[in-house]
Protein backbone atom coordinates (compact mmCIF):
# COMPACT_ATOMS: atom_id res chain seq x y z
CA MET A 1 0.00 0.00 0.00
CA LYS A 2 1.18 3.48 -0.84
CA GLU A 3 1.43 6.26 1.72
CA ILE A 4 -1.93 7.82 2.51
CA THR A 5 -2.20 11.59 2.12
CA ARG A 6 -3.71 13.99 4.62
CA ALA A 7 -6.80 14.49 2.44
CA GLU A 8 -7.25 10.74 2.05
CA MET A 9 -7.01 10.32 5.81
CA HIS A 10 -9.57 13.10 6.33
CA VAL A 11 -11.97 11.40 3.88
CA THR A 12 -11.50 8.02 5.59
CA ILE A 13 -12.00 9.46 9.08
CA THR A 14 -15.16 11.24 7.92
CA LEU A 15 -16.54 7.95 6.57
CA VAL A 16 -15.63 6.11 9.79
CA LYS A 17 -17.11 8.73 12.12
CA SER A 18 -20.53 8.67 10.48
CA PRO A 19 -21.25 5.15 9.17
CA GLU A 20 -24.98 5.88 9.03
CA ALA A 21 -24.49 8.70 6.51
CA ILE A 22 -24.61 8.04 2.79
CA TYR A 23 -21.78 9.87 1.02
CA ASN A 24 -21.07 10.30 -2.65
CA ALA A 25 -18.10 12.28 -3.99
CA ASN A 26 -20.07 15.54 -4.11
CA SER A 27 -21.49 15.39 -0.59
CA LEU A 28 -18.18 14.22 0.86
CA SER A 29 -16.30 17.06 -0.84
CA LYS A 30 -18.51 19.61 0.94
CA VAL A 31 -17.85 18.04 4.34
CA VAL A 32 -14.10 17.67 3.84
CA GLY A 33 -13.62 21.00 2.06
CA ILE A 34 -12.12 19.84 -1.24
CA THR A 35 -13.37 19.83 -4.82
CA PRO A 36 -15.77 17.10 -5.97
CA MET A 37 -13.21 15.86 -8.51
CA GLY A 38 -10.56 15.69 -5.78
CA ALA A 39 -12.93 13.69 -3.58
CA LEU A 40 -13.71 11.35 -6.47
CA LYS A 41 -10.01 10.72 -7.15
CA ILE A 42 -9.41 10.01 -3.47
CA LEU A 43 -12.39 7.66 -3.26
CA LYS A 44 -11.31 5.78 -6.39
CA ARG A 45 -7.78 5.33 -5.00
CA LEU A 46 -9.13 4.17 -1.64
CA GLU A 47 -11.43 1.77 -3.47
CA GLN A 48 -8.47 0.33 -5.39
CA GLU A 49 -6.71 -0.26 -2.07
CA SER A 50 -9.91 -1.93 -0.69
CA ILE A 51 -10.25 0.65 2.08
CA VAL A 52 -13.70 1.74 0.89
CA LYS A 53 -16.46 -0.03 -1.01
CA SER A 54 -18.74 1.60 -3.55
CA ARG A 55 -22.40 0.96 -4.25
CA LYS A 56 -24.61 2.34 -7.01
CA ILE A 57 -27.89 3.94 -5.96
CA GLY A 58 -29.61 5.15 -9.09
CA LYS A 59 -27.07 7.27 -10.94
CA ALA A 60 -25.04 8.08 -7.81
CA THR A 61 -22.17 6.01 -6.48
CA THR A 62 -22.00 5.95 -2.69
CA TYR A 63 -19.02 4.96 -0.56
CA LYS A 64 -18.57 3.23 2.81
CA VAL A 65 -15.54 1.97 4.71
CA ASN A 66 -14.73 -1.65 3.88
CA VAL A 67 -14.96 -3.28 7.32
CA GLU A 68 -13.80 -6.62 5.88
CA ASN A 69 -10.33 -5.19 5.22
CA PRO A 70 -8.16 -5.44 8.36
CA TYR A 71 -6.10 -2.41 7.27
CA ALA A 72 -9.21 -0.23 7.02
């Protein structure tokens, strides 16, 4: 696994702190304070590393922490 950046850590901590919330890249970017494209890039990288899992709801893709991954 590559080093995790500060923004990636902030995104992951936000997802862990509120597991009941449903976040997509746009809503997460508002909470974290980054651009939606930046949030999407972070979420895609974290998904590649199996730290988060994605799920399609309609046209939106939502993200949750992958609790099956011991690293996450």
